[in-house]
Amino acid sequence: MILTYADGYATAGYTKHLERAIKRMIELKREEDEEKKKVRLINGYDLINLGLKPGPIFKKILQEIEDLYLEGKVKNREEALTYVKENYLS
């Protein structure tokens, strides 16, 4: 994108459309980085403390909790732990 910007500026001098595209890409990257910084409500250690054995199911449970949080169905750590107890423990 930067090379395209430089080429456009050198040949035509008009690069507003490229500037907008680059700015949007930077915004999207920043938003993506912020998403990654979110703290999980629970982690694998919490699942172990509930009595679950580590394995592939952990990824499924943690992703499910994250999805529920983003949907607003689980609002805090306590609700997340309760959800796991009700849905994954006998």
N, C-alpha and C. Protein backbone atom coordinates (compact mmCIF):
# COMPACT_ATOMS: atom_id res chain seq x y z
N MET A 1 0.83 -1.19 0.00
CA MET A 1 0.00 0.00 0.00
C MET A 1 0.87 1.25 0.00
N ILE A 2 1.95 1.22 0.74
CA ILE A 2 2.80 2.41 0.80
C ILE A 2 3.47 2.64 -0.54
N LEU A 3 3.88 1.55 -1.21
CA LEU A 3 4.47 1.71 -2.54
C LEU A 3 3.45 2.25 -3.53
N THR A 4 2.22 1.78 -3.43
CA THR A 4 1.16 2.28 -4.30
C THR A 4 0.91 3.75 -4.02
N TYR A 5 0.93 4.11 -2.75
CA TYR A 5 0.75 5.51 -2.36
C TYR A 5 1.87 6.37 -2.96
N ALA A 6 3.11 5.91 -2.79
CA ALA A 6 4.25 6.67 -3.30
C ALA A 6 4.18 6.80 -4.82
N ASP A 7 3.81 5.72 -5.50
CA ASP A 7 3.69 5.75 -6.95
C ASP A 7 2.59 6.71 -7.38
N GLY A 8 1.45 6.64 -6.72
CA GLY A 8 0.34 7.53 -7.05
C GLY A 8 0.70 8.98 -6.82
N TYR A 9 1.39 9.25 -5.75
CA TYR A 9 1.79 10.62 -5.44
C TYR A 9 2.80 11.12 -6.46
N ALA A 10 3.74 10.27 -6.86
CA ALA A 10 4.78 10.66 -7.81
C ALA A 10 4.22 10.90 -9.20
N THR A 11 3.24 10.09 -9.59
CA THR A 11 2.73 10.22 -10.95
C THR A 11 1.57 11.19 -11.09
N ALA A 12 0.66 11.19 -10.12
CA ALA A 12 -0.54 12.01 -10.27
C ALA A 12 -0.67 13.09 -9.20
N GLY A 13 -0.03 12.89 -8.09
CA GLY A 13 -0.15 13.86 -7.01
C GLY A 13 -1.43 13.71 -6.21
N TYR A 14 -2.36 12.89 -6.70
CA TYR A 14 -3.63 12.68 -6.02
C TYR A 14 -3.61 11.33 -5.32
N THR A 15 -3.72 11.36 -3.99
CA THR A 15 -3.64 10.10 -3.24
C THR A 15 -4.66 10.03 -2.12
N LYS A 16 -5.66 10.89 -2.13
CA LYS A 16 -6.64 10.92 -1.04
C LYS A 16 -7.31 9.56 -0.85
N HIS A 17 -7.66 8.90 -1.96
CA HIS A 17 -8.31 7.59 -1.85
C HIS A 17 -7.37 6.57 -1.21
N LEU A 18 -6.08 6.67 -1.53
CA LEU A 18 -5.11 5.75 -0.93
C LEU A 18 -4.89 6.09 0.54
N GLU A 19 -4.87 7.37 0.85
CA GLU A 19 -4.72 7.78 2.25
C GLU A 19 -5.86 7.24 3.09
N ARG A 20 -7.08 7.32 2.58
CA ARG A 20 -8.24 6.80 3.31
C ARG A 20 -8.11 5.28 3.51
N ALA A 21 -7.67 4.59 2.48
CA ALA A 21 -7.53 3.13 2.58
C ALA A 21 -6.46 2.76 3.61
N ILE A 22 -5.36 3.46 3.60
CA ILE A 22 -4.28 3.18 4.56
C ILE A 22 -4.74 3.49 5.98
N LYS A 23 -5.40 4.62 6.17
CA LYS A 23 -5.90 4.97 7.50
C LYS A 23 -6.88 3.92 8.01
N ARG A 24 -7.74 3.44 7.12
CA ARG A 24 -8.72 2.42 7.52
C ARG A 24 -8.02 1.12 7.91
N MET A 25 -7.00 0.75 7.18
CA MET A 25 -6.24 -0.46 7.50
C MET A 25 -5.58 -0.33 8.88
N ILE A 26 -5.05 0.85 9.16
CA ILE A 26 -4.43 1.09 10.47
C ILE A 26 -5.48 1.01 11.57
N GLU A 27 -6.65 1.59 11.35
CA GLU A 27 -7.74 1.53 12.32
C GLU A 27 -8.15 0.08 12.59
N LEU A 28 -8.30 -0.71 11.53
CA LEU A 28 -8.69 -2.11 11.68
C LEU A 28 -7.64 -2.89 12.47
N LYS A 29 -6.37 -2.61 12.20
CA LYS A 29 -5.29 -3.29 12.93
C LYS A 29 -5.34 -2.92 14.40
N ARG A 30 -5.57 -1.67 14.70
CA ARG A 30 -5.64 -1.24 16.10
C ARG A 30 -6.83 -1.89 16.81
N GLU A 31 -7.97 -1.96 16.12
CA GLU A 31 -9.14 -2.61 16.70
C GLU A 31 -8.86 -4.09 16.97
N GLU A 32 -8.19 -4.73 16.03
CA GLU A 32 -7.84 -6.14 16.19
C GLU A 32 -6.91 -6.33 17.38
N ASP A 33 -5.94 -5.43 17.53
CA ASP A 33 -5.01 -5.52 18.66
C ASP A 33 -5.74 -5.32 19.99
N GLU A 34 -6.72 -4.42 20.02
CA GLU A 34 -7.50 -4.20 21.23
C GLU A 34 -8.30 -5.44 21.60
N GLU A 35 -8.85 -6.12 20.60
CA GLU A 35 -9.60 -7.35 20.85
C GLU A 35 -8.71 -8.38 21.53
N LYS A 36 -7.47 -8.47 21.09
CA LYS A 36 -6.55 -9.45 21.64
C LYS A 36 -6.19 -9.14 23.09
N LYS A 37 -6.28 -7.85 23.48
CA LYS A 37 -5.93 -7.46 24.84
C LYS A 37 -7.01 -7.79 25.86
N LYS A 38 -8.19 -8.15 25.39
CA LYS A 38 -9.28 -8.45 26.31
C LYS A 38 -8.89 -9.62 27.22
N VAL A 39 -9.21 -9.46 28.46
CA VAL A 39 -8.92 -10.50 29.44
C VAL A 39 -10.07 -11.50 29.44
N ARG A 40 -9.73 -12.76 29.44
CA ARG A 40 -10.76 -13.79 29.51
C ARG A 40 -11.41 -13.78 30.89
N LEU A 41 -12.68 -14.05 30.91
CA LEU A 41 -13.38 -14.12 32.19
C LEU A 41 -12.85 -15.28 33.02
N ILE A 42 -12.60 -16.40 32.35
CA ILE A 42 -12.03 -17.56 33.03
C ILE A 42 -10.91 -18.12 32.16
N ASN A 43 -10.10 -18.98 32.77
CA ASN A 43 -9.01 -19.59 32.02
C ASN A 43 -8.95 -21.09 32.33
N GLY A 44 -7.96 -21.74 31.79
CA GLY A 44 -7.81 -23.18 31.98
C GLY A 44 -7.65 -23.58 33.43
N TYR A 45 -6.98 -22.76 34.20
CA TYR A 45 -6.80 -23.07 35.63
C TYR A 45 -8.14 -23.08 36.36
N ASP A 46 -9.03 -22.20 35.96
CA ASP A 46 -10.36 -22.19 36.55
C ASP A 46 -11.10 -23.48 36.24
N LEU A 47 -10.95 -23.96 35.02
CA LEU A 47 -11.61 -25.21 34.63
C LEU A 47 -11.04 -26.40 35.40
N ILE A 48 -9.74 -26.39 35.62
CA ILE A 48 -9.11 -27.45 36.40
C ILE A 48 -9.63 -27.40 37.83
N ASN A 49 -9.73 -26.20 38.39
CA ASN A 49 -10.23 -26.05 39.76
C ASN A 49 -11.68 -26.51 39.90
N LEU A 50 -12.42 -26.50 38.81
CA LEU A 50 -13.79 -27.01 38.84
C LEU A 50 -13.82 -28.53 38.74
N GLY A 51 -12.67 -29.13 38.45
CA GLY A 51 -12.61 -30.58 38.38
C GLY A 51 -12.53 -31.16 36.98
N LEU A 52 -12.44 -30.30 35.99
CA LEU A 52 -12.33 -30.78 34.62
C LEU A 52 -10.89 -31.18 34.32
N LYS A 53 -10.73 -32.17 33.46
CA LYS A 53 -9.40 -32.62 33.06
C LYS A 53 -8.98 -31.87 31.80
N PRO A 54 -7.74 -31.37 31.78
CA PRO A 54 -7.26 -30.63 30.61
C PRO A 54 -7.36 -31.45 29.33
N GLY A 55 -7.70 -30.79 28.26
CA GLY A 55 -7.80 -31.43 26.96
C GLY A 55 -8.42 -30.50 25.96
N PRO A 56 -8.73 -31.00 24.79
CA PRO A 56 -9.30 -30.17 23.71
C PRO A 56 -10.62 -29.49 24.10
N ILE A 57 -11.32 -30.06 25.06
CA ILE A 57 -12.59 -29.47 25.49
C ILE A 57 -12.39 -28.08 26.09
N PHE A 58 -11.20 -27.85 26.67
CA PHE A 58 -10.93 -26.54 27.27
C PHE A 58 -11.08 -25.43 26.24
N LYS A 59 -10.52 -25.63 25.06
CA LYS A 59 -10.60 -24.61 24.01
C LYS A 59 -12.06 -24.33 23.66
N LYS A 60 -12.84 -25.39 23.54
CA LYS A 60 -14.27 -25.25 23.21
C LYS A 60 -15.00 -24.46 24.30
N ILE A 61 -14.75 -24.82 25.55
CA ILE A 61 -15.42 -24.14 26.67
C ILE A 61 -15.03 -22.67 26.72
N LEU A 62 -13.74 -22.39 26.64
CA LEU A 62 -13.28 -21.01 26.73
C LEU A 62 -13.79 -20.17 25.57
N GLN A 63 -13.85 -20.75 24.37
CA GLN A 63 -14.40 -20.02 23.23
C GLN A 63 -15.89 -19.77 23.41
N GLU A 64 -16.58 -20.76 23.94
CA GLU A 64 -18.01 -20.62 24.18
C GLU A 64 -18.28 -19.50 25.19
N ILE A 65 -17.50 -19.45 26.24
CA ILE A 65 -17.64 -18.39 27.25
C ILE A 65 -17.37 -17.03 26.62
N GLU A 66 -16.34 -16.94 25.81
CA GLU A 66 -16.02 -15.67 25.15
C GLU A 66 -17.16 -15.24 24.24
N ASP A 67 -17.71 -16.18 23.48
CA ASP A 67 -18.85 -15.87 22.59
C ASP A 67 -20.05 -15.39 23.39
N LEU A 68 -20.35 -16.08 24.49
CA LEU A 68 -21.47 -15.70 25.34
C LEU A 68 -21.26 -14.30 25.92
N TYR A 69 -20.02 -13.99 26.28
CA TYR A 69 -19.70 -12.66 26.81
C TYR A 69 -19.94 -11.59 25.74
N LEU A 70 -19.47 -11.85 24.52
CA LEU A 70 -19.64 -10.87 23.44
C LEU A 70 -21.11 -10.69 23.08
N GLU A 71 -21.91 -11.74 23.28
CA GLU A 71 -23.35 -11.66 23.01
C GLU A 71 -24.10 -11.03 24.19
N GLY A 72 -23.41 -10.82 25.31
CA GLY A 72 -24.05 -10.23 26.48
C GLY A 72 -24.81 -11.22 27.34
N LYS A 73 -24.64 -12.50 27.09
CA LYS A 73 -25.35 -13.52 27.85
C LYS A 73 -24.64 -13.90 29.13
N VAL A 74 -23.34 -13.65 29.19
CA VAL A 74 -22.54 -13.85 30.39
C VAL A 74 -21.81 -12.53 30.62
N LYS A 75 -21.96 -11.98 31.82
CA LYS A 75 -21.46 -10.63 32.06
C LYS A 75 -20.21 -10.55 32.94
N ASN A 76 -19.95 -11.60 33.70
CA ASN A 76 -18.80 -11.54 34.60
C ASN A 76 -18.25 -12.94 34.88
N ARG A 77 -17.20 -12.98 35.67
CA ARG A 77 -16.52 -14.24 35.98
C ARG A 77 -17.45 -15.23 36.68
N GLU A 78 -18.22 -14.76 37.63
CA GLU A 78 -19.12 -15.63 38.38
C GLU A 78 -20.15 -16.29 37.47
N GLU A 79 -20.72 -15.51 36.57
CA GLU A 79 -21.68 -16.07 35.63
C GLU A 79 -21.03 -17.08 34.69
N ALA A 80 -19.79 -16.82 34.31
CA ALA A 80 -19.07 -17.75 33.44
C ALA A 80 -18.83 -19.07 34.15
N LEU A 81 -18.40 -19.00 35.41
CA LEU A 81 -18.16 -20.23 36.18
C LEU A 81 -19.47 -21.00 36.39
N THR A 82 -20.53 -20.28 36.67
CA THR A 82 -21.84 -20.92 36.84
C THR A 82 -22.26 -21.62 35.56
N TYR A 83 -22.05 -20.97 34.42
CA TYR A 83 -22.41 -21.56 33.14
C TYR A 83 -21.64 -22.87 32.92
N VAL A 84 -20.35 -22.86 33.22
CA VAL A 84 -19.55 -24.07 33.04
C VAL A 84 -20.05 -25.18 33.96
N LYS A 85 -20.32 -24.83 35.20
CA LYS A 85 -20.81 -25.84 36.16
C LYS A 85 -22.11 -26.45 35.68
N GLU A 86 -23.01 -25.62 35.18
CA GLU A 86 -24.33 -26.11 34.76
C GLU A 86 -24.28 -26.90 33.46
N ASN A 87 -23.33 -26.61 32.60
CA ASN A 87 -23.32 -27.22 31.28
C ASN A 87 -22.24 -28.27 31.06
N TYR A 88 -21.24 -28.32 31.92
CA TYR A 88 -20.15 -29.25 31.70
C TYR A 88 -19.84 -30.17 32.89
N LEU A 89 -20.45 -29.90 34.02
CA LEU A 89 -20.22 -30.77 35.17
C LEU A 89 -21.50 -31.53 35.47
N SER A 90 -21.36 -32.77 35.82
CA SER A 90 -22.54 -33.61 36.09
C SER A 90 -23.14 -33.30 37.42
